[in-house]
Amino acid sequence: NWGSIGLFQFDLVAWIFGGQDALLSRIVYTVVALSAVWCISLLFRDTT
């Protein structure tokens, strides 16, 4: 989605869910942000 914003100025999430201010869009943005916070832990885990 960020790539589509950067390359084409097109926000796919906002387009699907009715704009950046729509409740569903904000939920998707928040869930993606929480996923990013969770994935920080992947950097510090021993995966062997």
ModelCIF file with pLDDT and N, C-alpha, C, O atoms, coordinates in Angstrom:
data_MODEL
#
_entry.id   MODEL 
#
_entity.id                         1 
_entity.type                       polymer 
_entity.pdbx_number_of_molecules   1 
#
_entity_poly.entity_id                      1 
_entity_poly.type                           'polypeptide(L)' 
_entity_poly.nstd_linkage                   no 
_entity_poly.nstd_monomer                   no 
_entity_poly.pdbx_seq_one_letter_code       NWGSIGLFQFDLVAWIFGGQDALLSRIVYTVVALSAVWCISLLFRDTT 
_entity_poly.pdbx_seq_one_letter_code_can   NWGSIGLFQFDLVAWIFGGQDALLSRIVYTVVALSAVWCISLLFRDTT 
_entity_poly.pdbx_strand_id                 A 
#
loop_
_entity_poly_seq.entity_id 
_entity_poly_seq.num 
_entity_poly_seq.mon_id 
_entity_poly_seq.hetero 
1 1  ASN n 
1 2  TRP n 
1 3  GLY n 
1 4  SER n 
1 5  ILE n 
1 6  GLY n 
1 7  LEU n 
1 8  PHE n 
1 9  GLN n 
1 10 PHE n 
1 11 ASP n 
1 12 LEU n 
1 13 VAL n 
1 14 ALA n 
1 15 TRP n 
1 16 ILE n 
1 17 PHE n 
1 18 GLY n 
1 19 GLY n 
1 20 GLN n 
1 21 ASP n 
1 22 ALA n 
1 23 LEU n 
1 24 LEU n 
1 25 SER n 
1 26 ARG n 
1 27 ILE n 
1 28 VAL n 
1 29 TYR n 
1 30 THR n 
1 31 VAL n 
1 32 VAL n 
1 33 ALA n 
1 34 LEU n 
1 35 SER n 
1 36 ALA n 
1 37 VAL n 
1 38 TRP n 
1 39 CYS n 
1 40 ILE n 
1 41 SER n 
1 42 LEU n 
1 43 LEU n 
1 44 PHE n 
1 45 ARG n 
1 46 ASP n 
1 47 THR n 
1 48 THR n 
#
_struct_asym.id          A 
_struct_asym.entity_id   1 
#
loop_
_ma_qa_metric.id 
_ma_qa_metric.mode 
_ma_qa_metric.name 
_ma_qa_metric.software_group_id 
_ma_qa_metric.type 
1 global pLDDT . pLDDT 
2 local  pLDDT . pLDDT 
#
_ma_qa_metric_global.metric_id      1 
_ma_qa_metric_global.metric_value   92.83 
_ma_qa_metric_global.model_id       1 
_ma_qa_metric_global.ordinal_id     1 
#
loop_
_ma_qa_metric_local.label_asym_id 
_ma_qa_metric_local.label_comp_id 
_ma_qa_metric_local.label_seq_id 
_ma_qa_metric_local.metric_id 
_ma_qa_metric_local.metric_value 
_ma_qa_metric_local.model_id 
_ma_qa_metric_local.ordinal_id 
A ASN 1  2 95.00 1 1  
A TRP 2  2 95.00 1 2  
A GLY 3  2 96.00 1 3  
A SER 4  2 95.00 1 4  
A ILE 5  2 95.00 1 5  
A GLY 6  2 96.00 1 6  
A LEU 7  2 97.00 1 7  
A PHE 8  2 96.00 1 8  
A GLN 9  2 96.00 1 9  
A PHE 10 2 95.00 1 10 
A ASP 11 2 95.00 1 11 
A LEU 12 2 94.00 1 12 
A VAL 13 2 94.00 1 13 
A ALA 14 2 95.00 1 14 
A TRP 15 2 96.00 1 15 
A ILE 16 2 94.00 1 16 
A PHE 17 2 94.00 1 17 
A GLY 18 2 93.00 1 18 
A GLY 19 2 93.00 1 19 
A GLN 20 2 92.00 1 20 
A ASP 21 2 94.00 1 21 
A ALA 22 2 95.00 1 22 
A LEU 23 2 96.00 1 23 
A LEU 24 2 95.00 1 24 
A SER 25 2 94.00 1 25 
A ARG 26 2 95.00 1 26 
A ILE 27 2 95.00 1 27 
A VAL 28 2 94.00 1 28 
A TYR 29 2 95.00 1 29 
A THR 30 2 95.00 1 30 
A VAL 31 2 95.00 1 31 
A VAL 32 2 95.00 1 32 
A ALA 33 2 94.00 1 33 
A LEU 34 2 95.00 1 34 
A SER 35 2 95.00 1 35 
A ALA 36 2 93.00 1 36 
A VAL 37 2 94.00 1 37 
A TRP 38 2 93.00 1 38 
A CYS 39 2 92.00 1 39 
A ILE 40 2 92.00 1 40 
A SER 41 2 90.00 1 41 
A LEU 42 2 88.00 1 42 
A LEU 43 2 88.00 1 43 
A PHE 44 2 89.00 1 44 
A ARG 45 2 87.00 1 45 
A ASP 46 2 83.00 1 46 
A THR 47 2 73.00 1 47 
A THR 48 2 76.00 1 48 
#
loop_
_atom_site.group_PDB 
_atom_site.id 
_atom_site.type_symbol 
_atom_site.label_atom_id 
_atom_site.label_alt_id 
_atom_site.label_comp_id 
_atom_site.label_asym_id 
_atom_site.label_entity_id 
_atom_site.label_seq_id 
_atom_site.pdbx_PDB_ins_code 
_atom_site.Cartn_x 
_atom_site.Cartn_y 
_atom_site.Cartn_z 
_atom_site.occupancy 
_atom_site.B_iso_or_equiv 
_atom_site.pdbx_formal_charge 
_atom_site.auth_seq_id 
_atom_site.auth_comp_id 
_atom_site.auth_asym_id 
_atom_site.auth_atom_id 
_atom_site.pdbx_PDB_model_num 
ATOM 1   N N  . ASN A 1 1  ? 0.836   -1.202  0.000  1.00 95.00 ? 1  ASN A N  1 
ATOM 2   C CA . ASN A 1 1  ? 0.000   0.000   0.000  1.00 95.00 ? 1  ASN A CA 1 
ATOM 3   C C  . ASN A 1 1  ? 0.871   1.253   0.000  1.00 95.00 ? 1  ASN A C  1 
ATOM 4   O O  . ASN A 1 1  ? 0.604   2.195   -0.745 1.00 95.00 ? 1  ASN A O  1 
ATOM 5   N N  . TRP A 1 2  ? 1.918   1.267   0.837  1.00 95.00 ? 2  TRP A N  1 
ATOM 6   C CA . TRP A 1 2  ? 2.820   2.431   0.851  1.00 95.00 ? 2  TRP A CA 1 
ATOM 7   C C  . TRP A 1 2  ? 3.529   2.583   -0.489 1.00 95.00 ? 2  TRP A C  1 
ATOM 8   O O  . TRP A 1 2  ? 3.766   3.701   -0.946 1.00 95.00 ? 2  TRP A O  1 
ATOM 9   N N  . GLY A 1 3  ? 3.866   1.465   -1.117 1.00 96.00 ? 3  GLY A N  1 
ATOM 10  C CA . GLY A 1 3  ? 4.480   1.528   -2.444 1.00 96.00 ? 3  GLY A CA 1 
ATOM 11  C C  . GLY A 1 3  ? 3.545   2.144   -3.464 1.00 96.00 ? 3  GLY A C  1 
ATOM 12  O O  . GLY A 1 3  ? 3.967   2.946   -4.296 1.00 96.00 ? 3  GLY A O  1 
ATOM 13  N N  . SER A 1 4  ? 2.262   1.766   -3.401 1.00 95.00 ? 4  SER A N  1 
ATOM 14  C CA . SER A 1 4  ? 1.300   2.354   -4.336 1.00 95.00 ? 4  SER A CA 1 
ATOM 15  C C  . SER A 1 4  ? 1.091   3.844   -4.060 1.00 95.00 ? 4  SER A C  1 
ATOM 16  O O  . SER A 1 4  ? 0.841   4.619   -4.983 1.00 95.00 ? 4  SER A O  1 
ATOM 17  N N  . ILE A 1 5  ? 1.192   4.239   -2.799 1.00 95.00 ? 5  ILE A N  1 
ATOM 18  C CA . ILE A 1 5  ? 1.092   5.668   -2.483 1.00 95.00 ? 5  ILE A CA 1 
ATOM 19  C C  . ILE A 1 5  ? 2.313   6.408   -3.021 1.00 95.00 ? 5  ILE A C  1 
ATOM 20  O O  . ILE A 1 5  ? 2.182   7.475   -3.622 1.00 95.00 ? 5  ILE A O  1 
ATOM 21  N N  . GLY A 1 6  ? 3.486   5.848   -2.808 1.00 96.00 ? 6  GLY A N  1 
ATOM 22  C CA . GLY A 1 6  ? 4.709   6.511   -3.249 1.00 96.00 ? 6  GLY A CA 1 
ATOM 23  C C  . GLY A 1 6  ? 4.854   6.578   -4.756 1.00 96.00 ? 6  GLY A C  1 
ATOM 24  O O  . GLY A 1 6  ? 5.304   7.591   -5.292 1.00 96.00 ? 6  GLY A O  1 
ATOM 25  N N  . LEU A 1 7  ? 4.478   5.513   -5.444 1.00 97.00 ? 7  LEU A N  1 
ATOM 26  C CA . LEU A 1 7  ? 4.665   5.472   -6.896 1.00 97.00 ? 7  LEU A CA 1 
ATOM 27  C C  . LEU A 1 7  ? 3.515   6.105   -7.671 1.00 97.00 ? 7  LEU A C  1 
ATOM 28  O O  . LEU A 1 7  ? 3.736   6.783   -8.675 1.00 97.00 ? 7  LEU A O  1 
ATOM 29  N N  . PHE A 1 8  ? 2.287   5.884   -7.203 1.00 96.00 ? 8  PHE A N  1 
ATOM 30  C CA . PHE A 1 8  ? 1.119   6.282   -7.989 1.00 96.00 ? 8  PHE A CA 1 
ATOM 31  C C  . PHE A 1 8  ? 0.198   7.266   -7.271 1.00 96.00 ? 8  PHE A C  1 
ATOM 32  O O  . PHE A 1 8  ? -0.824  7.667   -7.827 1.00 96.00 ? 8  PHE A O  1 
ATOM 33  N N  . GLN A 1 9  ? 0.544   7.661   -6.043 1.00 96.00 ? 9  GLN A N  1 
ATOM 34  C CA . GLN A 1 9  ? -0.302  8.513   -5.224 1.00 96.00 ? 9  GLN A CA 1 
ATOM 35  C C  . GLN A 1 9  ? -1.706  7.924   -5.100 1.00 96.00 ? 9  GLN A C  1 
ATOM 36  O O  . GLN A 1 9  ? -2.709  8.633   -5.182 1.00 96.00 ? 9  GLN A O  1 
ATOM 37  N N  . PHE A 1 10 ? -1.746  6.603   -4.900 1.00 95.00 ? 10 PHE A N  1 
ATOM 38  C CA . PHE A 1 10 ? -3.010  5.877   -4.804 1.00 95.00 ? 10 PHE A CA 1 
ATOM 39  C C  . PHE A 1 10 ? -3.001  5.042   -3.526 1.00 95.00 ? 10 PHE A C  1 
ATOM 40  O O  . PHE A 1 10 ? -2.187  4.130   -3.382 1.00 95.00 ? 10 PHE A O  1 
ATOM 41  N N  . ASP A 1 11 ? -3.901  5.353   -2.604 1.00 95.00 ? 11 ASP A N  1 
ATOM 42  C CA . ASP A 1 11 ? -4.016  4.636   -1.336 1.00 95.00 ? 11 ASP A CA 1 
ATOM 43  C C  . ASP A 1 11 ? -5.070  3.544   -1.507 1.00 95.00 ? 11 ASP A C  1 
ATOM 44  O O  . ASP A 1 11 ? -6.271  3.813   -1.482 1.00 95.00 ? 11 ASP A O  1 
ATOM 45  N N  . LEU A 1 12 ? -4.600  2.308   -1.681 1.00 94.00 ? 12 LEU A N  1 
ATOM 46  C CA . LEU A 1 12 ? -5.488  1.184   -1.941 1.00 94.00 ? 12 LEU A CA 1 
ATOM 47  C C  . LEU A 1 12 ? -6.423  0.922   -0.761 1.00 94.00 ? 12 LEU A C  1 
ATOM 48  O O  . LEU A 1 12 ? -7.607  0.653   -0.964 1.00 94.00 ? 12 LEU A O  1 
ATOM 49  N N  . VAL A 1 13 ? -5.915  0.995   0.452  1.00 94.00 ? 13 VAL A N  1 
ATOM 50  C CA . VAL A 1 13 ? -6.750  0.759   1.636  1.00 94.00 ? 13 VAL A CA 1 
ATOM 51  C C  . VAL A 1 13 ? -7.870  1.794   1.710  1.00 94.00 ? 13 VAL A C  1 
ATOM 52  O O  . VAL A 1 13 ? -9.028  1.446   1.941  1.00 94.00 ? 13 VAL A O  1 
ATOM 53  N N  . ALA A 1 14 ? -7.525  3.049   1.516  1.00 95.00 ? 14 ALA A N  1 
ATOM 54  C CA . ALA A 1 14 ? -8.535  4.109   1.558  1.00 95.00 ? 14 ALA A CA 1 
ATOM 55  C C  . ALA A 1 14 ? -9.551  3.928   0.436  1.00 95.00 ? 14 ALA A C  1 
ATOM 56  O O  . ALA A 1 14 ? -10.741 4.178   0.629  1.00 95.00 ? 14 ALA A O  1 
ATOM 57  N N  . TRP A 1 15 ? -9.092  3.500   -0.725 1.00 96.00 ? 15 TRP A N  1 
ATOM 58  C CA . TRP A 1 15 ? -9.995  3.293   -1.857 1.00 96.00 ? 15 TRP A CA 1 
ATOM 59  C C  . TRP A 1 15 ? -10.985 2.165   -1.571 1.00 96.00 ? 15 TRP A C  1 
ATOM 60  O O  . TRP A 1 15 ? -12.170 2.273   -1.886 1.00 96.00 ? 15 TRP A O  1 
ATOM 61  N N  . ILE A 1 16 ? -10.487 1.080   -0.968 1.00 94.00 ? 16 ILE A N  1 
ATOM 62  C CA . ILE A 1 16 ? -11.355 -0.069  -0.692 1.00 94.00 ? 16 ILE A CA 1 
ATOM 63  C C  . ILE A 1 16 ? -12.360 0.243   0.413  1.00 94.00 ? 16 ILE A C  1 
ATOM 64  O O  . ILE A 1 16 ? -13.524 -0.147  0.323  1.00 94.00 ? 16 ILE A O  1 
ATOM 65  N N  . PHE A 1 17 ? -11.915 0.943   1.454  1.00 94.00 ? 17 PHE A N  1 
ATOM 66  C CA . PHE A 1 17 ? -12.748 1.115   2.636  1.00 94.00 ? 17 PHE A CA 1 
ATOM 67  C C  . PHE A 1 17 ? -13.389 2.499   2.759  1.00 94.00 ? 17 PHE A C  1 
ATOM 68  O O  . PHE A 1 17 ? -13.976 2.803   3.797  1.00 94.00 ? 17 PHE A O  1 
ATOM 69  N N  . GLY A 1 18 ? -13.295 3.335   1.743  1.00 93.00 ? 18 GLY A N  1 
ATOM 70  C CA . GLY A 1 18 ? -14.056 4.581   1.750  1.00 93.00 ? 18 GLY A CA 1 
ATOM 71  C C  . GLY A 1 18 ? -13.338 5.810   2.234  1.00 93.00 ? 18 GLY A C  1 
ATOM 72  O O  . GLY A 1 18 ? -13.969 6.690   2.820  1.00 93.00 ? 18 GLY A O  1 
ATOM 73  N N  . GLY A 1 19 ? -12.054 5.909   2.017  1.00 93.00 ? 19 GLY A N  1 
ATOM 74  C CA . GLY A 1 19 ? -11.303 7.103   2.386  1.00 93.00 ? 19 GLY A CA 1 
ATOM 75  C C  . GLY A 1 19 ? -10.451 6.882   3.623  1.00 93.00 ? 19 GLY A C  1 
ATOM 76  O O  . GLY A 1 19 ? -10.679 5.950   4.395  1.00 93.00 ? 19 GLY A O  1 
ATOM 77  N N  . GLN A 1 20 ? -9.459  7.762   3.801  1.00 92.00 ? 20 GLN A N  1 
ATOM 78  C CA . GLN A 1 20 ? -8.529  7.621   4.920  1.00 92.00 ? 20 GLN A CA 1 
ATOM 79  C C  . GLN A 1 20 ? -9.195  7.846   6.268  1.00 92.00 ? 20 GLN A C  1 
ATOM 80  O O  . GLN A 1 20 ? -8.739  7.311   7.278  1.00 92.00 ? 20 GLN A O  1 
ATOM 81  N N  . ASP A 1 21 ? -10.255 8.622   6.299  1.00 94.00 ? 21 ASP A N  1 
ATOM 82  C CA . ASP A 1 21 ? -10.930 8.924   7.560  1.00 94.00 ? 21 ASP A CA 1 
ATOM 83  C C  . ASP A 1 21 ? -12.010 7.907   7.919  1.00 94.00 ? 21 ASP A C  1 
ATOM 84  O O  . ASP A 1 21 ? -12.582 7.970   9.007  1.00 94.00 ? 21 ASP A O  1 
ATOM 85  N N  . ALA A 1 22 ? -12.292 6.973   7.014  1.00 95.00 ? 22 ALA A N  1 
ATOM 86  C CA . ALA A 1 22 ? -13.316 5.962   7.291  1.00 95.00 ? 22 ALA A CA 1 
ATOM 87  C C  . ALA A 1 22 ? -12.857 5.047   8.426  1.00 95.00 ? 22 ALA A C  1 
ATOM 88  O O  . ALA A 1 22 ? -11.666 4.766   8.563  1.00 95.00 ? 22 ALA A O  1 
ATOM 89  N N  . LEU A 1 23 ? -13.786 4.597   9.217  1.00 96.00 ? 23 LEU A N  1 
ATOM 90  C CA . LEU A 1 23 ? -13.475 3.769   10.380 1.00 96.00 ? 23 LEU A CA 1 
ATOM 91  C C  . LEU A 1 23 ? -12.736 2.488   9.981  1.00 96.00 ? 23 LEU A C  1 
ATOM 92  O O  . LEU A 1 23 ? -11.762 2.110   10.632 1.00 96.00 ? 23 LEU A O  1 
ATOM 93  N N  . LEU A 1 24 ? -13.190 1.822   8.921  1.00 95.00 ? 24 LEU A N  1 
ATOM 94  C CA . LEU A 1 24 ? -12.537 0.576   8.497  1.00 95.00 ? 24 LEU A CA 1 
ATOM 95  C C  . LEU A 1 24 ? -11.099 0.822   8.038  1.00 95.00 ? 24 LEU A C  1 
ATOM 96  O O  . LEU A 1 24 ? -10.213 0.013   8.316  1.00 95.00 ? 24 LEU A O  1 
ATOM 97  N N  . SER A 1 25 ? -10.866 1.920   7.343  1.00 94.00 ? 25 SER A N  1 
ATOM 98  C CA . SER A 1 25 ? -9.498  2.252   6.928  1.00 94.00 ? 25 SER A CA 1 
ATOM 99  C C  . SER A 1 25 ? -8.610  2.472   8.133  1.00 94.00 ? 25 SER A C  1 
ATOM 100 O O  . SER A 1 25 ? -7.477  1.992   8.172  1.00 94.00 ? 25 SER A O  1 
ATOM 101 N N  . ARG A 1 26 ? -9.115  3.190   9.112  1.00 95.00 ? 26 ARG A N  1 
ATOM 102 C CA . ARG A 1 26 ? -8.327  3.458   10.322 1.00 95.00 ? 26 ARG A CA 1 
ATOM 103 C C  . ARG A 1 26 ? -8.045  2.177   11.087 1.00 95.00 ? 26 ARG A C  1 
ATOM 104 O O  . ARG A 1 26 ? -6.978  2.033   11.683 1.00 95.00 ? 26 ARG A O  1 
ATOM 105 N N  . ILE A 1 27 ? -8.990  1.244   11.078 1.00 95.00 ? 27 ILE A N  1 
ATOM 106 C CA . ILE A 1 27 ? -8.768  -0.050  11.730 1.00 95.00 ? 27 ILE A CA 1 
ATOM 107 C C  . ILE A 1 27 ? -7.657  -0.814  11.015 1.00 95.00 ? 27 ILE A C  1 
ATOM 108 O O  . ILE A 1 27 ? -6.773  -1.381  11.658 1.00 95.00 ? 27 ILE A O  1 
ATOM 109 N N  . VAL A 1 28 ? -7.705  -0.828  9.677  1.00 94.00 ? 28 VAL A N  1 
ATOM 110 C CA . VAL A 1 28 ? -6.666  -1.525  8.911  1.00 94.00 ? 28 VAL A CA 1 
ATOM 111 C C  . VAL A 1 28 ? -5.310  -0.895  9.168  1.00 94.00 ? 28 VAL A C  1 
ATOM 112 O O  . VAL A 1 28 ? -4.336  -1.615  9.387  1.00 94.00 ? 28 VAL A O  1 
ATOM 113 N N  . TYR A 1 29 ? -5.217  0.428   9.147  1.00 95.00 ? 29 TYR A N  1 
ATOM 114 C CA . TYR A 1 29 ? -3.949  1.107   9.416  1.00 95.00 ? 29 TYR A CA 1 
ATOM 115 C C  . TYR A 1 29 ? -3.431  0.765   10.816 1.00 95.00 ? 29 TYR A C  1 
ATOM 116 O O  . TYR A 1 29 ? -2.232  0.557   11.005 1.00 95.00 ? 29 TYR A O  1 
ATOM 117 N N  . THR A 1 30 ? -4.333  0.708   11.788 1.00 95.00 ? 30 THR A N  1 
ATOM 118 C CA . THR A 1 30 ? -3.938  0.397   13.163 1.00 95.00 ? 30 THR A CA 1 
ATOM 119 C C  . THR A 1 30 ? -3.464  -1.039  13.302 1.00 95.00 ? 30 THR A C  1 
ATOM 120 O O  . THR A 1 30 ? -2.479  -1.302  13.993 1.00 95.00 ? 30 THR A O  1 
ATOM 121 N N  . VAL A 1 31 ? -4.150  -1.969  12.655 1.00 95.00 ? 31 VAL A N  1 
ATOM 122 C CA . VAL A 1 31 ? -3.747  -3.378  12.726 1.00 95.00 ? 31 VAL A CA 1 
ATOM 123 C C  . VAL A 1 31 ? -2.386  -3.581  12.061 1.00 95.00 ? 31 VAL A C  1 
ATOM 124 O O  . VAL A 1 31 ? -1.563  -4.348  12.562 1.00 95.00 ? 31 VAL A O  1 
ATOM 125 N N  . VAL A 1 32 ? -2.145  -2.911  10.953 1.00 95.00 ? 32 VAL A N  1 
ATOM 126 C CA . VAL A 1 32 ? -0.839  -3.004  10.293 1.00 95.00 ? 32 VAL A CA 1 
ATOM 127 C C  . VAL A 1 32 ? 0.248   -2.418  11.192 1.00 95.00 ? 32 VAL A C  1 
ATOM 128 O O  . VAL A 1 32 ? 1.344   -2.971  11.277 1.00 95.00 ? 32 VAL A O  1 
ATOM 129 N N  . ALA A 1 33 ? -0.042  -1.316  11.856 1.00 94.00 ? 33 ALA A N  1 
ATOM 130 C CA . ALA A 1 33 ? 0.929   -0.712  12.771 1.00 94.00 ? 33 ALA A CA 1 
ATOM 131 C C  . ALA A 1 33 ? 1.224   -1.637  13.953 1.00 94.00 ? 33 ALA A C  1 
ATOM 132 O O  . ALA A 1 33 ? 2.379   -1.768  14.359 1.00 94.00 ? 33 ALA A O  1 
ATOM 133 N N  . LEU A 1 34 ? 0.198   -2.274  14.504 1.00 95.00 ? 34 LEU A N  1 
ATOM 134 C CA . LEU A 1 34 ? 0.408   -3.227  15.596 1.00 95.00 ? 34 LEU A CA 1 
ATOM 135 C C  . LEU A 1 34 ? 1.227   -4.433  15.126 1.00 95.00 ? 34 LEU A C  1 
ATOM 136 O O  . LEU A 1 34 ? 2.035   -4.974  15.881 1.00 95.00 ? 34 LEU A O  1 
ATOM 137 N N  . SER A 1 35 ? 1.012   -4.845  13.885 1.00 95.00 ? 35 SER A N  1 
ATOM 138 C CA . SER A 1 35 ? 1.814   -5.932  13.317 1.00 95.00 ? 35 SER A CA 1 
ATOM 139 C C  . SER A 1 35 ? 3.274   -5.533  13.219 1.00 95.00 ? 35 SER A C  1 
ATOM 140 O O  . SER A 1 35 ? 4.164   -6.345  13.472 1.00 95.00 ? 35 SER A O  1 
ATOM 141 N N  . ALA A 1 36 ? 3.520   -4.292  12.855 1.00 93.00 ? 36 ALA A N  1 
ATOM 142 C CA . ALA A 1 36 ? 4.899   -3.804  12.771 1.00 93.00 ? 36 ALA A CA 1 
ATOM 143 C C  . ALA A 1 36 ? 5.560   -3.822  14.140 1.00 93.00 ? 36 ALA A C  1 
ATOM 144 O O  . ALA A 1 36 ? 6.725   -4.196  14.269 1.00 93.00 ? 36 ALA A O  1 
ATOM 145 N N  . VAL A 1 37 ? 4.820   -3.420  15.152 1.00 94.00 ? 37 VAL A N  1 
ATOM 146 C CA . VAL A 1 37 ? 5.366   -3.440  16.514 1.00 94.00 ? 37 VAL A CA 1 
ATOM 147 C C  . VAL A 1 37 ? 5.670   -4.871  16.929 1.00 94.00 ? 37 VAL A C  1 
ATOM 148 O O  . VAL A 1 37 ? 6.706   -5.132  17.540 1.00 94.00 ? 37 VAL A O  1 
ATOM 149 N N  . TRP A 1 38 ? 4.783   -5.796  16.605 1.00 93.00 ? 38 TRP A N  1 
ATOM 150 C CA . TRP A 1 38 ? 5.012   -7.207  16.929 1.00 93.00 ? 38 TRP A CA 1 
ATOM 151 C C  . TRP A 1 38 ? 6.253   -7.736  16.207 1.00 93.00 ? 38 TRP A C  1 
ATOM 152 O O  . TRP A 1 38 ? 7.042   -8.481  16.788 1.00 93.00 ? 38 TRP A O  1 
ATOM 153 N N  . CYS A 1 39 ? 6.420   -7.353  14.950 1.00 92.00 ? 39 CYS A N  1 
ATOM 154 C CA . CYS A 1 39 ? 7.541   -7.872  14.159 1.00 92.00 ? 39 CYS A CA 1 
ATOM 155 C C  . CYS A 1 39 ? 8.891   -7.330  14.610 1.00 92.00 ? 39 CYS A C  1 
ATOM 156 O O  . CYS A 1 39 ? 9.928   -7.879  14.235 1.00 92.00 ? 39 CYS A O  1 
ATOM 157 N N  . ILE A 1 40 ? 8.899   -6.276  15.397 1.00 92.00 ? 40 ILE A N  1 
ATOM 158 C CA . ILE A 1 40 ? 10.160  -5.813  15.973 1.00 92.00 ? 40 ILE A CA 1 
ATOM 159 C C  . ILE A 1 40 ? 10.786  -6.935  16.792 1.00 92.00 ? 40 ILE A C  1 
ATOM 160 O O  . ILE A 1 40 ? 12.007  -7.086  16.818 1.00 92.00 ? 40 ILE A O  1 
ATOM 161 N N  . SER A 1 41 ? 9.945   -7.719  17.458 1.00 90.00 ? 41 SER A N  1 
ATOM 162 C CA . SER A 1 41 ? 10.456  -8.821  18.280 1.00 90.00 ? 41 SER A CA 1 
ATOM 163 C C  . SER A 1 41 ? 11.164  -9.883  17.436 1.00 90.00 ? 41 SER A C  1 
ATOM 164 O O  . SER A 1 41 ? 12.019  -10.607 17.946 1.00 90.00 ? 41 SER A O  1 
ATOM 165 N N  . LEU A 1 42 ? 10.819  -9.979  16.157 1.00 88.00 ? 42 LEU A N  1 
ATOM 166 C CA . LEU A 1 42 ? 11.478  -10.958 15.283 1.00 88.00 ? 42 LEU A CA 1 
ATOM 167 C C  . LEU A 1 42 ? 12.970  -10.653 15.129 1.00 88.00 ? 42 LEU A C  1 
ATOM 168 O O  . LEU A 1 42 ? 13.773  -11.563 14.919 1.00 88.00 ? 42 LEU A O  1 
ATOM 169 N N  . LEU A 1 43 ? 13.334  -9.397  15.231 1.00 88.00 ? 43 LEU A N  1 
ATOM 170 C CA . LEU A 1 43 ? 14.737  -9.016  15.091 1.00 88.00 ? 43 LEU A CA 1 
ATOM 171 C C  . LEU A 1 43 ? 15.592  -9.529  16.238 1.00 88.00 ? 43 LEU A C  1 
ATOM 172 O O  . LEU A 1 43 ? 16.796  -9.732  16.074 1.00 88.00 ? 43 LEU A O  1 
ATOM 173 N N  . PHE A 1 44 ? 14.985  -9.740  17.388 1.00 89.00 ? 44 PHE A N  1 
ATOM 174 C CA . PHE A 1 44 ? 15.735  -10.098 18.584 1.00 89.00 ? 44 PHE A CA 1 
ATOM 175 C C  . PHE A 1 44 ? 15.564  -11.549 19.010 1.00 89.00 ? 44 PHE A C  1 
ATOM 176 O O  . PHE A 1 44 ? 16.048  -11.944 20.071 1.00 89.00 ? 44 PHE A O  1 
ATOM 177 N N  . ARG A 1 45 ? 14.888  -12.339 18.202 1.00 87.00 ? 45 ARG A N  1 
ATOM 178 C CA . ARG A 1 45 ? 14.675  -13.743 18.539 1.00 87.00 ? 45 ARG A CA 1 
ATOM 179 C C  . ARG A 1 45 ? 15.772  -14.617 17.968 1.00 87.00 ? 45 ARG A C  1 
ATOM 180 O O  . ARG A 1 45 ? 16.325  -14.329 16.907 1.00 87.00 ? 45 ARG A O  1 
ATOM 181 N N  . ASP A 1 46 ? 16.084  -15.690 18.686 1.00 83.00 ? 46 ASP A N  1 
ATOM 182 C CA . ASP A 1 46 ? 16.994  -16.707 18.173 1.00 83.00 ? 46 ASP A CA 1 
ATOM 183 C C  . ASP A 1 46 ? 16.140  -17.700 17.400 1.00 83.00 ? 46 ASP A C  1 
ATOM 184 O O  . ASP A 1 46 ? 15.352  -18.438 17.992 1.00 83.00 ? 46 ASP A O  1 
ATOM 185 N N  . THR A 1 47 ? 16.291  -17.723 16.089 1.00 73.00 ? 47 THR A N  1 
ATOM 186 C CA . THR A 1 47 ? 15.420  -18.552 15.256 1.00 73.00 ? 47 THR A CA 1 
ATOM 187 C C  . THR A 1 47 ? 16.007  -19.916 14.932 1.00 73.00 ? 47 THR A C  1 
ATOM 188 O O  . THR A 1 47 ? 15.357  -20.715 14.257 1.00 73.00 ? 47 THR A O  1 
ATOM 189 N N  . THR A 1 48 ? 17.221  -20.206 15.393 1.00 76.00 ? 48 THR A N  1 
ATOM 190 C CA . THR A 1 48 ? 17.786  -21.523 15.122 1.00 76.00 ? 48 THR A CA 1 
ATOM 191 C C  . THR A 1 48 ? 17.125  -22.544 16.021 1.00 76.00 ? 48 THR A C  1 
ATOM 192 O O  . THR A 1 48 ? 17.456  -23.729 15.957 1.00 76.00 ? 48 THR A O  1 
#
